N, C-alpha and C. Protein backbone atom coordinates (compact mmCIF):
# COMPACT_ATOMS: atom_id res chain seq x y z
N MET A 1 -22.96 -70.28 -56.51
CA MET A 1 -21.80 -70.71 -55.42
C MET A 1 -22.53 -71.80 -54.66
N ALA A 2 -21.48 -72.39 -54.15
CA ALA A 2 -21.94 -73.60 -53.80
C ALA A 2 -22.03 -73.22 -51.68
N ASP A 3 -23.23 -74.50 -51.85
CA ASP A 3 -23.71 -74.18 -50.42
C ASP A 3 -22.55 -74.84 -49.34
N ASP A 4 -21.97 -73.29 -48.48
CA ASP A 4 -20.99 -73.82 -47.35
C ASP A 4 -21.17 -74.69 -46.65
N THR A 5 -22.86 -74.90 -45.90
CA THR A 5 -23.01 -75.70 -45.14
C THR A 5 -23.03 -77.49 -45.50
N ALA A 6 -22.89 -77.76 -46.98
CA ALA A 6 -23.26 -79.21 -47.50
C ALA A 6 -21.83 -79.50 -47.66
N VAL A 7 -21.54 -81.14 -46.95
CA VAL A 7 -20.12 -81.56 -47.36
C VAL A 7 -20.13 -82.18 -48.15
N ASP A 8 -19.07 -82.40 -49.26
CA ASP A 8 -18.89 -82.48 -50.86
C ASP A 8 -18.07 -84.02 -50.15
N ALA A 9 -18.39 -85.17 -50.19
CA ALA A 9 -17.90 -86.45 -49.62
C ALA A 9 -16.10 -86.61 -50.25
N ASP A 10 -16.25 -86.31 -51.43
CA ASP A 10 -15.11 -87.13 -52.21
C ASP A 10 -14.16 -85.58 -51.88
N ARG A 11 -14.57 -84.38 -51.78
CA ARG A 11 -13.60 -83.40 -51.78
C ARG A 11 -13.33 -83.44 -50.24
N GLN A 12 -13.71 -84.07 -49.51
CA GLN A 12 -13.47 -84.17 -47.99
C GLN A 12 -12.59 -85.20 -47.63
N SER A 13 -12.71 -86.69 -48.25
CA SER A 13 -11.75 -87.20 -48.29
C SER A 13 -10.48 -87.48 -49.30
N LEU A 14 -10.68 -86.20 -49.98
CA LEU A 14 -9.29 -86.20 -50.88
C LEU A 14 -8.42 -85.20 -50.12
N LEU A 15 -9.11 -84.10 -49.20
CA LEU A 15 -8.20 -83.44 -48.40
C LEU A 15 -8.12 -84.07 -47.17
N ALA A 16 -8.44 -85.22 -47.02
CA ALA A 16 -8.81 -85.78 -45.15
C ALA A 16 -7.36 -86.58 -45.85
N ALA A 17 -7.14 -87.24 -47.28
CA ALA A 17 -5.90 -87.98 -47.42
C ALA A 17 -4.55 -87.19 -47.37
N LEU A 18 -5.09 -86.06 -48.07
CA LEU A 18 -3.56 -85.00 -48.22
C LEU A 18 -3.03 -85.03 -46.77
N TYR A 19 -4.16 -84.58 -45.81
CA TYR A 19 -3.95 -84.29 -44.30
C TYR A 19 -3.01 -85.37 -43.93
N ASP A 20 -3.64 -86.49 -43.97
CA ASP A 20 -3.12 -87.79 -43.36
C ASP A 20 -1.48 -87.94 -43.86
N ALA A 21 -1.65 -87.66 -45.19
CA ALA A 21 -0.44 -87.96 -45.85
C ALA A 21 0.49 -86.96 -45.43
N ALA A 22 0.39 -85.83 -44.64
CA ALA A 22 1.25 -84.68 -44.15
C ALA A 22 1.61 -84.10 -45.42
N VAL A 23 1.27 -84.06 -46.63
CA VAL A 23 1.45 -83.57 -47.77
C VAL A 23 1.63 -81.44 -47.75
N ASP A 24 2.02 -80.49 -47.99
CA ASP A 24 2.25 -79.72 -47.90
C ASP A 24 1.57 -78.85 -48.91
N TYR A 25 0.91 -77.98 -48.94
CA TYR A 25 0.24 -77.12 -50.25
C TYR A 25 -0.66 -76.56 -49.87
N VAL A 26 -0.71 -75.77 -51.33
CA VAL A 26 -1.72 -74.48 -51.15
C VAL A 26 -2.80 -74.88 -52.25
N LEU A 27 -3.85 -74.47 -51.57
CA LEU A 27 -5.09 -74.64 -52.47
C LEU A 27 -5.85 -73.51 -53.27
N ILE A 28 -5.35 -73.51 -54.33
CA ILE A 28 -5.46 -73.06 -55.42
C ILE A 28 -7.06 -73.25 -56.55
N GLY A 29 -7.50 -72.51 -57.23
CA GLY A 29 -8.12 -72.37 -58.29
C GLY A 29 -9.63 -72.35 -57.51
N GLY A 30 -10.53 -73.29 -58.28
CA GLY A 30 -12.41 -73.30 -57.93
C GLY A 30 -12.24 -73.19 -57.05
N ALA A 31 -11.93 -74.90 -55.83
CA ALA A 31 -11.80 -74.91 -54.66
C ALA A 31 -11.65 -73.71 -54.19
N ALA A 32 -10.67 -72.73 -53.79
CA ALA A 32 -10.12 -71.81 -53.33
C ALA A 32 -10.75 -70.74 -53.78
N LEU A 33 -11.46 -70.61 -54.82
CA LEU A 33 -12.46 -69.29 -54.67
C LEU A 33 -14.19 -69.62 -54.13
N GLU A 34 -14.39 -70.86 -54.57
CA GLU A 34 -15.47 -70.89 -53.17
C GLU A 34 -15.30 -70.74 -51.42
N THR A 35 -13.84 -71.02 -51.47
CA THR A 35 -13.41 -71.08 -49.60
C THR A 35 -13.97 -69.49 -49.46
N HIS A 36 -13.39 -68.58 -50.59
CA HIS A 36 -13.39 -67.55 -50.00
C HIS A 36 -14.94 -66.73 -50.66
N HIS A 37 -15.67 -67.60 -50.43
CA HIS A 37 -17.68 -67.16 -51.05
C HIS A 37 -17.10 -66.79 -51.86
N GLN A 38 -16.40 -66.78 -53.41
CA GLN A 38 -16.85 -65.90 -54.23
C GLN A 38 -18.19 -67.25 -55.02
N PRO A 39 -18.42 -66.30 -56.46
CA PRO A 39 -19.75 -66.89 -57.01
C PRO A 39 -19.24 -67.55 -58.17
N HIS A 40 -18.87 -69.18 -57.67
CA HIS A 40 -18.04 -69.52 -58.39
C HIS A 40 -18.01 -71.08 -58.20
N GLU A 41 -18.03 -72.35 -58.70
CA GLU A 41 -18.57 -74.02 -58.17
C GLU A 41 -17.71 -74.72 -59.55
N THR A 42 -16.73 -75.73 -58.26
CA THR A 42 -16.32 -76.75 -59.37
C THR A 42 -16.45 -77.78 -58.80
N PHE A 43 -15.95 -78.95 -59.13
CA PHE A 43 -16.14 -80.04 -58.33
C PHE A 43 -15.07 -80.48 -58.75
N ASP A 44 -13.43 -80.00 -58.54
CA ASP A 44 -12.13 -80.36 -58.45
C ASP A 44 -11.67 -79.77 -57.62
N VAL A 45 -10.39 -80.38 -57.11
CA VAL A 45 -9.48 -79.84 -56.51
C VAL A 45 -8.30 -79.08 -56.95
N ASP A 46 -7.47 -78.20 -56.68
CA ASP A 46 -6.55 -77.46 -57.48
C ASP A 46 -5.54 -77.91 -56.17
N ILE A 47 -4.19 -77.64 -55.77
CA ILE A 47 -3.47 -77.37 -54.98
C ILE A 47 -2.12 -77.18 -56.18
N THR A 48 -1.30 -76.10 -55.30
CA THR A 48 0.36 -76.64 -55.30
C THR A 48 1.33 -76.75 -54.32
N PRO A 49 1.49 -77.97 -54.66
CA PRO A 49 2.70 -78.38 -53.48
C PRO A 49 3.87 -77.63 -53.20
N ALA A 50 4.18 -77.94 -52.31
CA ALA A 50 5.65 -77.18 -51.80
C ALA A 50 6.65 -78.66 -52.10
N ALA A 51 7.24 -77.86 -53.39
CA ALA A 51 8.38 -78.75 -53.89
C ALA A 51 9.54 -79.55 -53.58
N ASP A 52 9.88 -79.57 -52.38
CA ASP A 52 10.59 -79.94 -51.86
C ASP A 52 10.88 -81.57 -52.24
N PRO A 53 12.06 -82.00 -51.69
CA PRO A 53 11.69 -83.84 -52.58
C PRO A 53 10.97 -84.60 -51.26
N ASP A 54 10.91 -84.19 -50.03
CA ASP A 54 9.96 -85.14 -49.00
C ASP A 54 8.85 -84.89 -49.02
N ASN A 55 8.44 -83.47 -49.75
CA ASN A 55 6.87 -83.23 -49.61
C ASN A 55 6.32 -84.06 -50.90
N LEU A 56 7.61 -83.88 -51.91
CA LEU A 56 6.90 -84.92 -53.22
C LEU A 56 6.91 -86.03 -53.14
N ARG A 57 7.95 -86.33 -52.48
CA ARG A 57 7.50 -88.35 -51.89
C ARG A 57 6.27 -88.29 -50.85
N ARG A 58 5.93 -87.45 -50.23
CA ARG A 58 4.91 -88.19 -49.56
C ARG A 58 3.63 -87.64 -50.49
N LEU A 59 3.66 -86.70 -51.51
CA LEU A 59 2.39 -86.45 -52.36
C LEU A 59 2.11 -87.80 -53.37
N ALA A 60 3.78 -87.96 -53.92
CA ALA A 60 3.57 -89.82 -54.70
C ALA A 60 3.33 -90.58 -54.05
N HIS A 61 3.78 -90.82 -52.87
CA HIS A 61 2.89 -92.20 -52.24
C HIS A 61 1.39 -92.43 -51.90
N LEU A 62 0.92 -90.98 -52.19
CA LEU A 62 -0.45 -90.67 -51.47
C LEU A 62 -1.07 -91.03 -52.91
N LEU A 63 -0.69 -90.74 -54.38
CA LEU A 63 -0.94 -90.47 -55.36
C LEU A 63 -1.39 -92.08 -55.56
N ASN A 64 -0.24 -92.84 -55.25
CA ASN A 64 -0.12 -94.43 -56.09
C ASN A 64 -1.18 -95.42 -55.18
N THR A 65 -1.65 -94.55 -54.23
CA THR A 65 -2.64 -95.81 -53.35
C THR A 65 -4.30 -94.71 -53.54
N LEU A 66 -4.36 -93.83 -54.70
CA LEU A 66 -5.60 -92.98 -55.02
C LEU A 66 -6.44 -93.58 -56.53
N ASP A 67 -5.29 -95.04 -56.71
CA ASP A 67 -6.32 -95.05 -58.08
C ASP A 67 -6.14 -94.27 -59.20
N CYS A 68 -5.06 -93.63 -59.59
CA CYS A 68 -4.94 -92.08 -60.61
C CYS A 68 -5.41 -92.93 -61.61
N ALA A 69 -5.83 -91.60 -62.50
CA ALA A 69 -5.84 -92.00 -63.83
C ALA A 69 -5.77 -90.79 -64.22
N LEU A 70 -4.77 -90.30 -65.30
CA LEU A 70 -4.47 -88.73 -66.26
C LEU A 70 -5.36 -88.80 -66.92
N ARG A 71 -5.86 -87.40 -66.48
CA ARG A 71 -6.95 -86.77 -68.05
C ARG A 71 -6.56 -86.39 -68.68
N ILE A 72 -6.77 -86.61 -70.07
CA ILE A 72 -6.61 -86.43 -71.39
C ILE A 72 -7.27 -85.44 -71.93
N ASP A 73 -8.28 -85.18 -71.85
CA ASP A 73 -9.28 -84.69 -72.02
C ASP A 73 -10.58 -83.59 -71.39
N PRO A 74 -10.23 -82.76 -70.67
CA PRO A 74 -11.15 -82.21 -70.00
C PRO A 74 -12.50 -82.16 -70.00
N ASP A 75 -12.88 -81.98 -71.16
CA ASP A 75 -13.92 -81.67 -71.54
C ASP A 75 -14.50 -82.74 -71.88
N GLU A 76 -13.77 -84.27 -71.68
CA GLU A 76 -14.74 -85.53 -72.06
C GLU A 76 -14.17 -86.47 -71.09
N ALA A 77 -15.26 -86.23 -69.39
CA ALA A 77 -15.13 -86.95 -68.59
C ALA A 77 -14.15 -88.38 -68.41
N GLY A 78 -14.71 -89.21 -69.60
CA GLY A 78 -14.31 -90.35 -69.57
C GLY A 78 -12.75 -90.67 -70.27
N ALA A 79 -12.26 -89.88 -70.50
CA ALA A 79 -10.84 -89.37 -71.40
C ALA A 79 -10.00 -89.63 -70.34
N ALA A 80 -9.74 -90.95 -69.78
CA ALA A 80 -8.68 -90.75 -68.86
C ALA A 80 -7.39 -91.97 -68.69
N VAL A 81 -6.13 -92.03 -68.41
CA VAL A 81 -5.65 -93.27 -68.51
C VAL A 81 -4.92 -93.50 -67.24
N PRO A 82 -5.78 -95.19 -67.17
CA PRO A 82 -5.03 -95.25 -66.25
C PRO A 82 -3.66 -95.68 -66.17
N LEU A 83 -3.60 -94.91 -64.13
CA LEU A 83 -1.59 -95.24 -64.40
C LEU A 83 -1.66 -96.31 -63.29
N PRO A 84 -0.80 -97.27 -63.17
CA PRO A 84 -0.04 -98.37 -62.22
C PRO A 84 0.08 -97.66 -60.92
N SER A 85 0.09 -98.72 -60.43
CA SER A 85 -0.18 -98.10 -58.39
C SER A 85 1.19 -97.88 -58.06
N ASP A 86 2.10 -97.94 -58.86
CA ASP A 86 3.45 -97.26 -58.60
C ASP A 86 3.90 -96.44 -59.32
N TYR A 87 3.63 -95.88 -60.27
CA TYR A 87 3.68 -94.66 -61.21
C TYR A 87 4.58 -93.41 -60.55
N PHE A 88 4.03 -93.07 -59.38
CA PHE A 88 4.30 -91.62 -59.24
C PHE A 88 5.28 -91.88 -58.24
N THR A 89 6.35 -91.15 -58.33
CA THR A 89 7.62 -91.19 -57.24
C THR A 89 8.01 -89.30 -57.69
N ALA A 90 8.86 -88.68 -56.43
CA ALA A 90 9.16 -87.44 -56.51
C ALA A 90 9.82 -87.24 -58.09
N GLU A 91 10.32 -87.37 -58.63
CA GLU A 91 10.80 -87.07 -59.78
C GLU A 91 9.77 -86.99 -60.84
N THR A 92 9.20 -88.05 -60.94
CA THR A 92 7.82 -88.23 -61.53
C THR A 92 7.23 -86.87 -61.97
N LEU A 93 7.00 -86.07 -60.36
CA LEU A 93 6.17 -85.36 -60.23
C LEU A 93 6.50 -83.77 -60.84
N GLY A 94 8.16 -84.13 -60.49
CA GLY A 94 8.93 -83.04 -60.99
C GLY A 94 9.06 -83.03 -62.74
N ARG A 95 9.00 -84.04 -63.46
CA ARG A 95 8.77 -83.95 -64.53
C ARG A 95 7.90 -82.90 -65.86
N ALA A 96 6.51 -82.59 -64.80
CA ALA A 96 5.53 -81.89 -65.22
C ALA A 96 5.41 -80.71 -64.39
N ASP A 97 4.96 -79.14 -65.16
CA ASP A 97 4.65 -78.92 -64.31
C ASP A 97 2.74 -78.87 -64.09
N ILE A 98 1.91 -79.46 -64.66
CA ILE A 98 0.94 -80.02 -64.27
C ILE A 98 0.32 -80.83 -64.52
N TRP A 99 -0.55 -81.61 -63.32
CA TRP A 99 -0.86 -83.35 -63.55
C TRP A 99 -2.33 -83.26 -63.13
N ASN A 100 -3.29 -83.37 -64.38
CA ASN A 100 -4.84 -83.57 -63.97
C ASN A 100 -5.19 -85.01 -64.20
N LEU A 101 -5.29 -85.07 -63.07
CA LEU A 101 -5.57 -86.68 -62.13
C LEU A 101 -6.89 -86.63 -61.84
N ARG A 102 -7.62 -88.04 -62.27
CA ARG A 102 -8.94 -88.43 -61.68
C ARG A 102 -8.77 -89.47 -60.55
N THR A 103 -8.87 -89.19 -59.23
CA THR A 103 -8.83 -90.68 -57.69
C THR A 103 -9.92 -90.77 -57.49
N ARG A 104 -9.97 -91.90 -56.75
CA ARG A 104 -11.21 -92.48 -56.26
C ARG A 104 -11.82 -91.42 -55.63
N HIS A 105 -11.38 -90.08 -55.40
CA HIS A 105 -12.11 -89.39 -54.90
C HIS A 105 -12.56 -88.10 -55.40
N GLY A 106 -12.44 -88.05 -56.62
CA GLY A 106 -12.62 -87.53 -58.06
C GLY A 106 -11.40 -86.75 -57.90
N GLU A 107 -11.83 -85.58 -58.88
CA GLU A 107 -10.34 -85.18 -59.63
C GLU A 107 -9.74 -84.17 -58.79
N LEU A 108 -7.77 -84.58 -59.24
CA LEU A 108 -7.05 -83.17 -58.44
C LEU A 108 -6.31 -83.02 -59.74
N ASP A 109 -6.41 -81.53 -59.73
CA ASP A 109 -5.13 -81.35 -60.39
C ASP A 109 -4.45 -80.41 -59.64
N ILE A 110 -2.61 -80.55 -59.73
CA ILE A 110 -1.80 -80.40 -59.09
C ILE A 110 -0.83 -79.65 -60.12
N ALA A 111 -0.92 -78.36 -59.36
CA ALA A 111 -0.15 -77.13 -60.51
C ALA A 111 1.41 -76.94 -60.08
N LEU A 112 2.54 -77.57 -60.58
CA LEU A 112 3.76 -77.13 -59.50
C LEU A 112 4.16 -75.66 -59.69
N LYS A 113 3.51 -75.04 -60.83
CA LYS A 113 4.23 -73.55 -61.18
C LYS A 113 2.86 -72.87 -62.04
N PRO A 114 1.49 -72.86 -61.32
CA PRO A 114 0.73 -72.36 -61.47
C PRO A 114 0.83 -71.29 -62.57
N ALA A 115 -0.55 -70.97 -63.48
CA ALA A 115 0.21 -69.31 -64.20
C ALA A 115 0.07 -68.63 -63.09
N GLY A 116 1.12 -67.16 -63.98
CA GLY A 116 1.39 -66.51 -62.92
C GLY A 116 2.42 -66.31 -61.98
N PHE A 117 2.84 -67.64 -61.35
CA PHE A 117 3.73 -67.90 -60.10
C PHE A 117 4.25 -69.12 -60.43
N PRO A 118 5.66 -68.47 -60.99
CA PRO A 118 7.07 -69.55 -61.54
C PRO A 118 7.41 -70.22 -60.57
N THR A 119 7.50 -69.96 -59.17
CA THR A 119 7.97 -70.60 -58.41
C THR A 119 6.61 -71.09 -57.65
N GLY A 120 5.50 -71.18 -57.88
CA GLY A 120 4.70 -71.65 -57.28
C GLY A 120 4.54 -71.72 -55.94
N TYR A 121 4.51 -72.93 -54.65
CA TYR A 121 4.17 -72.55 -53.77
C TYR A 121 4.80 -71.49 -52.67
N ALA A 122 6.05 -71.06 -52.99
CA ALA A 122 6.94 -70.32 -52.37
C ALA A 122 6.25 -68.97 -52.70
N GLU A 123 5.80 -68.78 -53.95
CA GLU A 123 4.62 -67.45 -53.87
C GLU A 123 3.77 -67.48 -53.24
N LEU A 124 3.01 -69.07 -53.23
CA LEU A 124 1.60 -68.59 -53.22
C LEU A 124 1.21 -68.88 -51.88
N ARG A 125 2.39 -69.26 -50.95
CA ARG A 125 2.19 -69.77 -49.79
C ARG A 125 2.18 -68.30 -48.52
N ARG A 126 3.17 -67.26 -49.49
CA ARG A 126 2.95 -66.02 -48.79
C ARG A 126 2.08 -65.22 -47.91
N HIS A 127 0.94 -65.18 -49.08
CA HIS A 127 -0.28 -64.37 -48.79
C HIS A 127 -1.49 -65.42 -48.46
N ALA A 128 -1.12 -66.89 -48.42
CA ALA A 128 -2.29 -67.77 -48.13
C ALA A 128 -2.59 -68.02 -46.31
N ARG A 129 -3.53 -68.37 -46.46
CA ARG A 129 -4.02 -68.30 -45.12
C ARG A 129 -4.84 -69.29 -44.74
N PRO A 130 -4.81 -70.34 -43.33
CA PRO A 130 -5.57 -71.06 -42.91
C PRO A 130 -7.20 -70.96 -43.49
N MET A 131 -8.09 -71.80 -43.97
CA MET A 131 -9.28 -71.43 -43.90
C MET A 131 -10.06 -72.95 -43.94
N ILE A 132 -11.02 -72.97 -43.60
CA ILE A 132 -11.93 -74.48 -44.04
C ILE A 132 -12.05 -74.44 -45.31
N ALA A 133 -11.72 -75.48 -45.98
CA ALA A 133 -11.68 -75.71 -46.84
C ALA A 133 -13.40 -75.81 -47.90
N ALA A 134 -13.94 -74.82 -48.35
CA ALA A 134 -15.66 -74.80 -49.16
C ALA A 134 -16.22 -76.52 -49.33
N ARG A 135 -16.87 -76.76 -48.74
CA ARG A 135 -17.98 -78.16 -48.40
C ARG A 135 -17.33 -79.36 -47.76
N THR A 136 -16.43 -78.64 -47.21
CA THR A 136 -15.52 -79.81 -46.00
C THR A 136 -15.63 -78.95 -44.63
N ARG A 137 -14.99 -80.10 -43.82
CA ARG A 137 -14.67 -79.53 -42.56
C ARG A 137 -13.16 -79.38 -42.22
N ILE A 138 -12.59 -79.45 -43.15
CA ILE A 138 -10.78 -79.55 -43.00
C ILE A 138 -10.37 -77.79 -42.79
N GLN A 139 -9.57 -77.90 -42.58
CA GLN A 139 -8.82 -76.43 -42.99
C GLN A 139 -7.51 -76.85 -43.27
N VAL A 140 -7.55 -76.05 -44.17
CA VAL A 140 -6.12 -76.34 -45.28
C VAL A 140 -5.65 -74.61 -45.61
N ARG A 141 -4.29 -74.89 -45.98
CA ARG A 141 -3.83 -73.42 -46.43
C ARG A 141 -4.49 -72.99 -47.52
N VAL A 142 -4.93 -71.61 -47.77
CA VAL A 142 -5.40 -71.19 -49.14
C VAL A 142 -5.20 -70.48 -49.74
N ALA A 143 -4.39 -69.89 -51.08
CA ALA A 143 -4.00 -69.01 -51.42
C ALA A 143 -4.97 -67.60 -51.59
N SER A 144 -4.77 -66.38 -51.50
CA SER A 144 -5.49 -65.39 -51.58
C SER A 144 -6.26 -65.04 -52.67
N LEU A 145 -7.19 -64.61 -52.17
CA LEU A 145 -7.89 -64.46 -53.74
C LEU A 145 -7.51 -63.28 -54.45
N THR A 146 -6.58 -62.54 -54.37
CA THR A 146 -5.72 -61.64 -55.15
C THR A 146 -4.52 -62.89 -55.80
N ASP A 147 -4.14 -63.68 -55.39
CA ASP A 147 -3.43 -64.32 -55.95
C ASP A 147 -4.06 -65.45 -57.12
N ILE A 148 -5.21 -65.60 -56.48
CA ILE A 148 -6.00 -66.85 -57.56
C ILE A 148 -6.28 -66.06 -58.68
N GLU A 149 -6.86 -64.86 -58.77
CA GLU A 149 -7.67 -63.88 -59.85
C GLU A 149 -6.14 -63.72 -60.47
N HIS A 150 -4.95 -63.29 -59.89
CA HIS A 150 -3.93 -63.05 -60.80
C HIS A 150 -3.71 -64.69 -61.83
N SER A 151 -3.68 -65.23 -60.54
CA SER A 151 -3.25 -66.90 -61.80
C SER A 151 -4.50 -66.86 -62.75
N LYS A 152 -5.72 -66.75 -62.68
CA LYS A 152 -6.47 -66.55 -63.50
C LYS A 152 -6.67 -65.24 -65.03
N ARG A 153 -5.88 -64.02 -64.31
CA ARG A 153 -5.57 -63.75 -65.39
C ARG A 153 -4.63 -63.92 -66.26
N THR A 154 -3.49 -64.47 -66.04
CA THR A 154 -2.60 -64.72 -66.79
C THR A 154 -2.90 -66.20 -66.82
N ALA A 155 -3.48 -66.85 -66.71
CA ALA A 155 -3.61 -68.13 -67.49
C ALA A 155 -4.73 -67.97 -68.81
N ASN A 156 -5.43 -66.69 -68.54
CA ASN A 156 -6.35 -66.38 -69.84
C ASN A 156 -7.07 -67.20 -70.26
N ARG A 157 -7.90 -68.39 -69.54
CA ARG A 157 -8.68 -69.48 -70.20
C ARG A 157 -9.53 -68.61 -70.18
N ALA A 158 -11.18 -69.20 -71.54
CA ALA A 158 -12.20 -68.58 -71.68
C ALA A 158 -12.65 -69.04 -70.43
N LYS A 159 -13.02 -70.09 -69.47
CA LYS A 159 -13.45 -70.33 -67.84
C LYS A 159 -13.33 -69.18 -66.73
N ASP A 160 -11.89 -68.97 -67.06
CA ASP A 160 -11.48 -68.08 -66.13
C ASP A 160 -11.52 -66.57 -66.08
N LEU A 161 -11.53 -65.92 -67.53
CA LEU A 161 -12.23 -64.74 -67.67
C LEU A 161 -13.35 -64.38 -67.76
N GLN A 162 -14.20 -65.87 -67.38
CA GLN A 162 -15.62 -65.11 -67.81
C GLN A 162 -15.90 -65.62 -66.33
N TYR A 163 -15.28 -65.90 -65.26
CA TYR A 163 -15.29 -65.69 -63.74
C TYR A 163 -14.76 -64.04 -63.36
N LEU A 164 -13.79 -64.18 -64.17
CA LEU A 164 -13.45 -62.81 -63.78
C LEU A 164 -14.73 -61.26 -64.46
N ASP A 165 -15.12 -61.47 -65.45
CA ASP A 165 -16.19 -60.37 -65.84
C ASP A 165 -17.35 -60.52 -64.59
N ARG A 166 -18.08 -61.82 -64.19
CA ARG A 166 -18.43 -61.93 -63.37
C ARG A 166 -18.45 -61.35 -62.40
N VAL A 167 -17.68 -61.49 -61.74
CA VAL A 167 -17.05 -60.61 -60.74
C VAL A 167 -16.75 -59.09 -60.74
N ASN A 168 -16.71 -59.04 -62.40
CA ASN A 168 -15.95 -57.48 -62.36
C ASN A 168 -14.19 -57.58 -62.00
N ARG A 169 -13.70 -58.08 -62.57
CA ARG A 169 -12.28 -57.71 -61.64
C ARG A 169 -11.49 -58.54 -62.92
N ARG A 170 -11.80 -58.21 -64.24
CA ARG A 170 -10.56 -58.72 -65.02
C ARG A 170 -9.49 -57.90 -64.90
N ASP A 171 -9.53 -57.04 -64.85
CA ASP A 171 -8.00 -55.63 -64.98
C ASP A 171 -7.60 -55.90 -63.40
N ASP A 172 -6.47 -56.30 -63.12
CA ASP A 172 -5.53 -56.66 -62.80
C ASP A 172 -5.41 -55.22 -61.22
N PRO A 173 -5.84 -55.20 -60.13
CA PRO A 173 -6.08 -54.10 -59.16
C PRO A 173 -4.33 -53.79 -58.90
N ARG A 174 -3.63 -54.37 -59.37
CA ARG A 174 -2.43 -53.62 -59.25
C ARG A 174 -1.87 -53.64 -60.15
N PRO A 175 -1.80 -52.50 -61.05
CA PRO A 175 -0.78 -51.80 -62.09
C PRO A 175 0.62 -52.01 -61.60
N GLY A 176 1.16 -52.85 -62.93
CA GLY A 176 2.48 -52.82 -63.13
C GLY A 176 3.46 -53.85 -61.68
N LEU A 177 2.56 -54.53 -61.04
CA LEU A 177 3.09 -55.49 -60.49
C LEU A 177 3.34 -56.41 -60.89
N GLU A 178 5.10 -56.89 -60.89
CA GLU A 178 5.89 -57.94 -61.03
C GLU A 178 5.56 -59.41 -60.03
N ARG A 179 5.68 -60.15 -60.25
CA ARG A 179 5.01 -61.27 -59.75
C ARG A 179 6.46 -62.48 -59.79
């Protein structure tokens, strides 16, 4: 588990940039697990932004200032394609459910429709709450632990199942719950 007292300069800078750009989002994934003090460590930031056009425009404008590259192989650090500084628009962002990016402040994954949440932000925001993001001094809206783990179960990736096994929560505590 990450040391919550140490500030990760890249994560701090990335979340500060999102704040300064007034991007509305919910923190999900590993950074959200760390924020909930779970035994997990990650070096990227995963978010689900509000999908309204104004918010996506603000996010696109920010991304165009962050020297983004599209990560094409998550297992190979250098496998990324640089994107032009005018690449992102609200429409461009809406063309994919997930964007895996490398920015000058580290890796940023944007999930418009994260596993288990087909309407994304609208569903996750319901149970999210403001918290100081792990390894930062910035308050953000963080998905509930139940929602994060539901998404990990739904994604069914090896790394997600390993986490769920480690915390002994592979089975959904809410049988029959429809999302």
